[in-house]
Amino acid sequence: MMPSRSSGLTKARAEILSTLRDHFRDEPLARLICQSKVSKSAVTRRNARQLDRAQLDTWQLHNLDEIVVYTMLKLNPGAPTDIGFFQ
């Protein structure tokens, strides 16, 4: 039996969370990620770029996808992010 697409996404999200927790071990972002719920909503790349550290620190990011996209863009601003992956 082939794994479903949703189980693959769940596994991928878990791997991303693990990587982010390691990278931001002592940062407020790590606690934010650990407390987040997986969400089906997504943000656009342009919106993700408008997010700033103050928004993270004041808990204005409400779902895991926003946090992951934000973090990916912060770590490598020129990297393409496959927003569809998080839908």
Protein backbone atom coordinates (compact mmCIF):
# COMPACT_ATOMS: atom_id res chain seq x y z
CA MET A 1 0.00 0.00 0.00
CA MET A 2 1.36 3.43 -0.94
CA PRO A 3 1.40 6.11 1.76
CA SER A 4 -1.19 8.82 1.33
CA ARG A 5 -0.17 12.33 0.34
CA SER A 6 -1.29 13.68 3.73
CA SER A 7 0.92 11.25 5.65
CA GLY A 8 3.84 12.32 3.46
CA LEU A 9 3.15 15.98 4.23
CA THR A 10 2.86 15.23 7.93
CA LYS A 11 6.23 13.48 7.86
CA ALA A 12 7.78 16.35 5.91
CA ARG A 13 6.38 18.89 8.36
CA ALA A 14 7.78 16.88 11.27
CA GLU A 15 11.21 16.87 9.61
CA ILE A 16 11.02 20.63 9.03
CA LEU A 17 10.02 21.20 12.65
CA SER A 18 12.92 19.09 13.85
CA THR A 19 15.37 21.06 11.72
CA LEU A 20 13.94 24.39 12.86
CA ARG A 21 14.01 23.37 16.51
CA ASP A 22 17.69 22.46 16.15
CA HIS A 23 18.49 25.71 14.36
CA PHE A 24 16.58 27.95 16.78
CA ARG A 25 17.17 25.95 19.94
CA ASP A 26 17.33 28.96 22.28
CA GLU A 27 15.13 31.33 20.31
CA PRO A 28 11.52 32.31 21.03
CA LEU A 29 10.73 30.97 17.55
CA ALA A 30 11.47 27.43 18.73
CA ARG A 31 8.88 27.73 21.48
CA LEU A 32 6.44 29.23 19.00
CA ILE A 33 6.95 26.33 16.60
CA CYS A 34 6.60 23.75 19.35
CA GLN A 35 3.29 25.27 20.46
CA SER A 36 1.84 25.60 16.95
CA LYS A 37 -0.82 23.46 15.38
CA VAL A 38 -0.47 22.19 11.83
CA SER A 39 -2.73 24.28 9.62
CA LYS A 40 -3.91 23.84 6.05
CA SER A 41 -3.77 27.57 5.36
CA ALA A 42 -0.76 29.09 3.65
CA VAL A 43 0.70 32.51 3.13
CA THR A 44 1.95 33.96 -0.09
CA ARG A 45 5.64 34.49 -0.55
CA ARG A 46 5.12 38.26 -0.65
CA ASN A 47 3.21 38.21 2.64
CA ALA A 48 5.85 36.01 4.23
CA ARG A 49 8.51 38.55 3.35
CA GLN A 50 6.53 41.27 5.11
CA LEU A 51 6.57 39.38 8.39
CA ASP A 52 9.12 40.60 10.87
CA ARG A 53 10.65 39.52 14.16
CA ALA A 54 8.23 41.68 16.15
CA GLN A 55 5.32 39.72 14.74
CA LEU A 56 6.94 36.47 15.79
CA ASP A 57 7.65 37.77 19.27
CA THR A 58 4.10 38.98 19.76
CA TRP A 59 2.50 35.74 18.56
CA GLN A 60 0.94 37.24 15.45
CA LEU A 61 1.81 34.21 13.35
CA HIS A 62 -1.06 31.85 13.86
CA ASN A 63 -0.13 28.72 12.01
CA LEU A 64 2.77 26.46 11.28
CA ASP A 65 2.83 27.21 7.56
CA GLU A 66 3.42 30.91 8.15
CA ILE A 67 6.25 30.11 10.54
CA VAL A 68 7.91 27.63 8.19
CA VAL A 69 7.68 29.92 5.15
CA TYR A 70 8.88 32.89 7.18
CA THR A 71 11.83 30.90 8.51
CA MET A 72 12.76 29.51 5.10
CA LEU A 73 12.83 33.02 3.65
CA LYS A 74 14.83 34.39 6.60
CA LEU A 75 17.42 31.63 6.34
CA ASN A 76 17.75 32.00 2.57
CA PRO A 77 15.93 35.07 1.20
CA GLY A 78 16.54 34.13 -2.44
CA ALA A 79 15.31 30.56 -2.14
CA PRO A 80 12.16 29.55 -3.95
CA THR A 81 9.51 28.35 -1.52
CA ASP A 82 6.94 25.89 -2.73
CA ILE A 83 3.91 27.40 -1.05
CA GLY A 84 1.69 24.71 -2.59
CA PHE A 85 3.57 22.14 -0.53
CA PHE A 86 1.97 23.53 2.61
CA GLN A 87 -1.62 23.53 1.36
